[in-house]
Amino acid sequence: MAGTLTVQNLQGPASGANANKIIVPSGHVLNAAGHVLQVLNTSYSTVTSMTQGSWVDIGLSLSITPKSASSDILIFYYPHYRLNSNANDAGVGFRLLRDSTPVDSPNTNYQQYTYAGNNTGSVSEFRGLAPLMHLDSPATTSSITYKVQGNAYFGSVYTQDSGNSSKMTIMEIAG
């Protein structure tokens, strides 16, 4: 039997084990657009080196099975990188893939960049996290995997160098 229940307020019991909680049973979804359905998080800390001109998996990936095909997936990804050059500029670009399809790509492979001073022999080095974000609409309830790839621009380029971690957080947002 389908129907509509109209109420002004919902509130959980004032005391007991579930005080002030409204419980949605496992397997059921409260369908209110804009609320967070699930949050997943991971980090990765194995060093990856890159060469110029090739997209390389940096090891940072996370799978999610959306609860609803109308959900959006908000991905925050923070690749750790190290750029080093003795005579040239150095840079790196990062892109996000849903399974094998790029869904967020930079215009260049020097999205993150350090300048060595016009090949004067000066050393250029930088380490940091690239704070990146993408809102995806995969329109599926099948498991999907988001992964990060990097592409070097001159110099020596590494991710997760010196024990530092890259991080990713995924949030499913009800549509």
C-alpha atoms as a PDB file:
ATOM      1  CA  MET A   1       0.000   0.000   0.000  1.00  0.00           C
ATOM      2  CA  ALA A   2       1.482   3.344  -1.032  1.00  0.00           C
ATOM      3  CA  GLY A   3       0.482   6.617   0.485  1.00  0.00           C
ATOM      4  CA  THR A   4       1.587   9.944   1.798  1.00  0.00           C
ATOM      5  CA  LEU A   5       2.186  10.687   5.443  1.00  0.00           C
ATOM      6  CA  THR A   6       2.168  14.395   6.212  1.00  0.00           C
ATOM      7  CA  VAL A   7       3.745  15.525   9.462  1.00  0.00           C
ATOM      8  CA  GLN A   8       5.225  18.744  10.704  1.00  0.00           C
ATOM      9  CA  ASN A   9       8.035  17.245  12.803  1.00  0.00           C
ATOM     10  CA  LEU A  10       9.781  13.904  13.257  1.00  0.00           C
ATOM     11  CA  GLN A  11      11.620  13.208  16.466  1.00  0.00           C
ATOM     12  CA  GLY A  12      13.126  10.177  18.098  1.00  0.00           C
ATOM     13  CA  PRO A  13      12.412   9.064  21.656  1.00  0.00           C
ATOM     14  CA  ALA A  14      13.669  11.381  24.408  1.00  0.00           C
ATOM     15  CA  SER A  15      15.447   8.598  26.335  1.00  0.00           C
ATOM     16  CA  GLY A  16      16.778   5.080  25.944  1.00  0.00           C
ATOM     17  CA  ALA A  17      19.415   3.506  23.721  1.00  0.00           C
ATOM     18  CA  ASN A  18      18.280   5.489  20.664  1.00  0.00           C
ATOM     19  CA  ALA A  19      17.511   8.781  22.361  1.00  0.00           C
ATOM     20  CA  ASN A  20      16.996  11.651  19.916  1.00  0.00           C
ATOM     21  CA  LYS A  21      17.542   9.392  16.870  1.00  0.00           C
ATOM     22  CA  ILE A  22      15.283   8.657  13.938  1.00  0.00           C
ATOM     23  CA  ILE A  23      16.324   5.267  12.590  1.00  0.00           C
ATOM     24  CA  VAL A  24      16.020   4.263   8.945  1.00  0.00           C
ATOM     25  CA  PRO A  25      16.228   0.439   8.788  1.00  0.00           C
ATOM     26  CA  SER A  26      19.076  -1.217   6.887  1.00  0.00           C
ATOM     27  CA  GLY A  27      18.235  -1.593   3.206  1.00  0.00           C
ATOM     28  CA  HIS A  28      15.956   1.460   3.237  1.00  0.00           C
ATOM     29  CA  VAL A  29      16.894   4.946   2.088  1.00  0.00           C
ATOM     30  CA  LEU A  30      15.552   8.266   3.308  1.00  0.00           C
ATOM     31  CA  ASN A  31      15.094  10.046  -0.002  1.00  0.00           C
ATOM     32  CA  ALA A  32      15.706  13.717   0.736  1.00  0.00           C
ATOM     33  CA  ALA A  33      17.677  15.495  -1.991  1.00  0.00           C
ATOM     34  CA  GLY A  34      20.967  16.976  -0.870  1.00  0.00           C
ATOM     35  CA  HIS A  35      21.639  14.841   2.181  1.00  0.00           C
ATOM     36  CA  VAL A  36      24.714  12.629   2.506  1.00  0.00           C
ATOM     37  CA  LEU A  37      23.964   8.929   2.031  1.00  0.00           C
ATOM     38  CA  GLN A  38      27.464   7.589   2.656  1.00  0.00           C
ATOM     39  CA  VAL A  39      31.059   8.744   3.142  1.00  0.00           C
ATOM     40  CA  LEU A  40      34.170   6.721   2.298  1.00  0.00           C
ATOM     41  CA  ASN A  41      37.798   7.639   2.899  1.00  0.00           C
ATOM     42  CA  THR A  42      41.226   6.217   2.047  1.00  0.00           C
ATOM     43  CA  SER A  43      44.896   7.133   1.930  1.00  0.00           C
ATOM     44  CA  TYR A  44      47.879   5.734   0.051  1.00  0.00           C
ATOM     45  CA  SER A  45      51.555   6.152   0.880  1.00  0.00           C
ATOM     46  CA  THR A  46      53.696   4.072  -1.531  1.00  0.00           C
ATOM     47  CA  VAL A  47      56.096   6.161  -3.653  1.00  0.00           C
ATOM     48  CA  THR A  48      55.277   6.422  -7.363  1.00  0.00           C
ATOM     49  CA  SER A  49      57.588   8.052  -9.905  1.00  0.00           C
ATOM     50  CA  MET A  50      56.475   9.537 -13.205  1.00  0.00           C
ATOM     51  CA  THR A  51      57.953  10.293 -16.593  1.00  0.00           C
ATOM     52  CA  GLN A  52      56.881  13.130 -18.826  1.00  0.00           C
ATOM     53  CA  GLY A  53      53.992  12.566 -21.197  1.00  0.00           C
ATOM     54  CA  SER A  54      52.425   9.427 -19.713  1.00  0.00           C
ATOM     55  CA  TRP A  55      49.476   9.107 -17.360  1.00  0.00           C
ATOM     56  CA  VAL A  56      50.433   6.818 -14.464  1.00  0.00           C
ATOM     57  CA  ASP A  57      48.247   5.368 -11.694  1.00  0.00           C
ATOM     58  CA  ILE A  58      49.528   6.849  -8.420  1.00  0.00           C
ATOM     59  CA  GLY A  59      47.879   4.132  -6.310  1.00  0.00           C
ATOM     60  CA  LEU A  60      45.104   6.312  -4.895  1.00  0.00           C
ATOM     61  CA  SER A  61      41.700   4.741  -5.556  1.00  0.00           C
ATOM     62  CA  LEU A  62      38.392   4.100  -3.825  1.00  0.00           C
ATOM     63  CA  SER A  63      35.269   2.115  -4.781  1.00  0.00           C
ATOM     64  CA  ILE A  64      31.675   3.014  -3.977  1.00  0.00           C
ATOM     65  CA  THR A  65      28.317   1.400  -4.696  1.00  0.00           C
ATOM     66  CA  PRO A  66      25.757   4.212  -4.922  1.00  0.00           C
ATOM     67  CA  LYS A  67      22.482   3.610  -3.097  1.00  0.00           C
ATOM     68  CA  SER A  68      20.525   5.488  -5.772  1.00  0.00           C
ATOM     69  CA  ALA A  69      21.035   6.059  -9.509  1.00  0.00           C
ATOM     70  CA  SER A  70      19.941   9.687  -9.015  1.00  0.00           C
ATOM     71  CA  SER A  71      22.763  10.417  -6.538  1.00  0.00           C
ATOM     72  CA  ASP A  72      25.744  12.638  -7.207  1.00  0.00           C
ATOM     73  CA  ILE A  73      29.184  11.566  -6.027  1.00  0.00           C
ATOM     74  CA  LEU A  74      31.415  14.287  -4.551  1.00  0.00           C
ATOM     75  CA  ILE A  75      35.084  13.329  -4.682  1.00  0.00           C
ATOM     76  CA  PHE A  76      37.780  15.190  -2.765  1.00  0.00           C
ATOM     77  CA  TYR A  77      41.248  14.001  -3.729  1.00  0.00           C
ATOM     78  CA  TYR A  78      44.565  15.242  -2.407  1.00  0.00           C
ATOM     79  CA  PRO A  79      47.549  13.718  -4.193  1.00  0.00           C
ATOM     80  CA  HIS A  80      50.849  14.331  -2.395  1.00  0.00           C
ATOM     81  CA  TYR A  81      53.636  15.197  -4.817  1.00  0.00           C
ATOM     82  CA  ARG A  82      57.302  16.153  -4.973  1.00  0.00           C
ATOM     83  CA  LEU A  83      58.755  18.154  -7.866  1.00  0.00           C
ATOM     84  CA  ASN A  84      62.531  18.377  -8.286  1.00  0.00           C
ATOM     85  CA  SER A  85      64.726  19.796 -11.021  1.00  0.00           C
ATOM     86  CA  ASN A  86      68.363  20.886 -11.270  1.00  0.00           C
ATOM     87  CA  ALA A  87      68.069  22.847 -14.493  1.00  0.00           C
ATOM     88  CA  ASN A  88      64.483  22.924 -15.719  1.00  0.00           C
ATOM     89  CA  ASP A  89      61.039  23.754 -14.513  1.00  0.00           C
ATOM     90  CA  ALA A  90      59.093  20.860 -13.026  1.00  0.00           C
ATOM     91  CA  GLY A  91      55.403  20.160 -12.844  1.00  0.00           C
ATOM     92  CA  VAL A  92      52.694  17.557 -12.608  1.00  0.00           C
ATOM     93  CA  GLY A  93      49.050  17.230 -13.592  1.00  0.00           C
ATOM     94  CA  PHE A  94      46.516  14.952 -11.923  1.00  0.00           C
ATOM     95  CA  ARG A  95      43.320  13.512 -13.348  1.00  0.00           C
ATOM     96  CA  LEU A  96      40.441  11.535 -11.871  1.00  0.00           C
ATOM     97  CA  LEU A  97      38.972   8.466 -13.547  1.00  0.00           C
ATOM     98  CA  ARG A  98      35.634   6.743 -12.943  1.00  0.00           C
ATOM     99  CA  ASP A  99      36.564   3.135 -13.703  1.00  0.00           C
ATOM    100  CA  SER A 100      38.588   3.698 -16.907  1.00  0.00           C
ATOM    101  CA  THR A 101      36.952   6.968 -18.025  1.00  0.00           C
ATOM    102  CA  PRO A 102      38.579  10.339 -17.190  1.00  0.00           C
ATOM    103  CA  VAL A 103      35.966  12.562 -15.497  1.00  0.00           C
ATOM    104  CA  ASP A 104      38.203  15.408 -14.252  1.00  0.00           C
ATOM    105  CA  SER A 105      41.350  16.322 -16.206  1.00  0.00           C
ATOM    106  CA  PRO A 106      43.678  19.323 -16.182  1.00  0.00           C
ATOM    107  CA  ASN A 107      44.335  21.351 -19.319  1.00  0.00           C
ATOM    108  CA  THR A 108      48.095  20.745 -18.933  1.00  0.00           C
ATOM    109  CA  ASN A 109      50.474  18.365 -17.197  1.00  0.00           C
ATOM    110  CA  TYR A 110      51.892  21.318 -15.250  1.00  0.00           C
ATOM    111  CA  GLN A 111      48.774  21.957 -13.182  1.00  0.00           C
ATOM    112  CA  GLN A 112      51.114  21.965 -10.124  1.00  0.00           C
ATOM    113  CA  TYR A 113      54.362  23.748 -11.027  1.00  0.00           C
ATOM    114  CA  THR A 114      57.713  25.008  -9.780  1.00  0.00           C
ATOM    115  CA  TYR A 115      60.112  27.287 -11.655  1.00  0.00           C
ATOM    116  CA  ALA A 116      63.882  26.686 -11.881  1.00  0.00           C
ATOM    117  CA  GLY A 117      64.934  30.023 -13.346  1.00  0.00           C
ATOM    118  CA  ASN A 118      65.406  29.637 -17.102  1.00  0.00           C
ATOM    119  CA  ASN A 119      67.866  26.730 -17.051  1.00  0.00           C
ATOM    120  CA  THR A 120      70.451  28.652 -15.017  1.00  0.00           C
ATOM    121  CA  GLY A 121      71.459  25.569 -13.059  1.00  0.00           C
ATOM    122  CA  SER A 122      69.458  26.580 -10.027  1.00  0.00           C
ATOM    123  CA  VAL A 123      67.676  23.866  -8.094  1.00  0.00           C
ATOM    124  CA  SER A 124      63.920  23.892  -7.962  1.00  0.00           C
ATOM    125  CA  GLU A 125      62.014  21.712  -5.510  1.00  0.00           C
ATOM    126  CA  PHE A 126      58.511  21.682  -4.113  1.00  0.00           C
ATOM    127  CA  ARG A 127      56.470  19.231  -2.034  1.00  0.00           C
ATOM    128  CA  GLY A 128      52.801  19.527  -1.235  1.00  0.00           C
ATOM    129  CA  LEU A 129      49.236  18.320  -1.577  1.00  0.00           C
ATOM    130  CA  ALA A 130      47.149  19.202  -4.608  1.00  0.00           C
ATOM    131  CA  PRO A 131      43.628  19.932  -3.244  1.00  0.00           C
ATOM    132  CA  LEU A 132      41.274  18.757  -5.997  1.00  0.00           C
ATOM    133  CA  MET A 133      37.534  18.116  -6.126  1.00  0.00           C
ATOM    134  CA  HIS A 134      34.986  16.822  -8.623  1.00  0.00           C
ATOM    135  CA  LEU A 135      31.202  16.361  -8.586  1.00  0.00           C
ATOM    136  CA  ASP A 136      30.201  13.337 -10.661  1.00  0.00           C
ATOM    137  CA  SER A 137      26.789  12.008 -11.733  1.00  0.00           C
ATOM    138  CA  PRO A 138      27.412   8.349 -12.611  1.00  0.00           C
ATOM    139  CA  ALA A 139      23.674   7.374 -12.833  1.00  0.00           C
ATOM    140  CA  THR A 140      24.230   3.838 -11.537  1.00  0.00           C
ATOM    141  CA  THR A 141      23.793   1.613  -8.501  1.00  0.00           C
ATOM    142  CA  SER A 142      26.651  -0.657  -9.616  1.00  0.00           C
ATOM    143  CA  SER A 143      30.047  -0.507  -7.943  1.00  0.00           C
ATOM    144  CA  ILE A 144      32.358   2.134  -9.422  1.00  0.00           C
ATOM    145  CA  THR A 145      36.000   2.900  -8.700  1.00  0.00           C
ATOM    146  CA  TYR A 146      37.513   6.368  -8.706  1.00  0.00           C
ATOM    147  CA  LYS A 147      41.275   6.516  -9.170  1.00  0.00           C
ATOM    148  CA  VAL A 148      43.896   9.222  -9.609  1.00  0.00           C
ATOM    149  CA  GLN A 149      46.588   9.362 -12.269  1.00  0.00           C
ATOM    150  CA  GLY A 150      49.521  11.749 -12.642  1.00  0.00           C
ATOM    151  CA  ASN A 151      51.527  13.040 -15.602  1.00  0.00           C
ATOM    152  CA  ALA A 152      54.953  14.661 -15.159  1.00  0.00           C
ATOM    153  CA  TYR A 153      56.211  17.856 -16.772  1.00  0.00           C
ATOM    154  CA  PHE A 154      60.044  17.853 -16.773  1.00  0.00           C
ATOM    155  CA  GLY A 155      62.169  17.228 -13.707  1.00  0.00           C
ATOM    156  CA  SER A 156      61.830  14.373 -11.244  1.00  0.00           C
ATOM    157  CA  VAL A 157      58.224  13.908 -10.163  1.00  0.00           C
ATOM    158  CA  TYR A 158      57.067  11.612  -7.361  1.00  0.00           C
ATOM    159  CA  THR A 159      53.888  11.051  -5.416  1.00  0.00           C
ATOM    160  CA  GLN A 160      53.708   9.920  -1.777  1.00  0.00           C
ATOM    161  CA  ASP A 161      57.409  10.770  -1.300  1.00  0.00           C
ATOM    162  CA  SER A 162      59.150  10.440   2.103  1.00  0.00           C
ATOM    163  CA  GLY A 163      56.269   8.576   3.732  1.00  0.00           C
ATOM    164  CA  ASN A 164      53.673  11.245   2.933  1.00  0.00           C
ATOM    165  CA  SER A 165      50.180  10.093   1.981  1.00  0.00           C
ATOM    166  CA  SER A 166      47.745  10.982  -0.753  1.00  0.00           C
ATOM    167  CA  LYS A 167      44.118  11.051   0.417  1.00  0.00           C
ATOM    168  CA  MET A 168      40.631  10.645  -1.056  1.00  0.00           C
ATOM    169  CA  THR A 169      37.159  11.130   0.385  1.00  0.00           C
ATOM    170  CA  ILE A 170      33.961  10.219  -1.488  1.00  0.00           C
ATOM    171  CA  MET A 171      30.477  11.371  -0.479  1.00  0.00           C
ATOM    172  CA  GLU A 172      27.252  10.130  -2.043  1.00  0.00           C
ATOM    173  CA  ILE A 173      24.747  12.995  -2.139  1.00  0.00           C
ATOM    174  CA  ALA A 174      21.040  12.169  -2.609  1.00  0.00           C
ATOM    175  CA  GLY A 175      19.630  13.551  -5.860  1.00  0.00           C
END
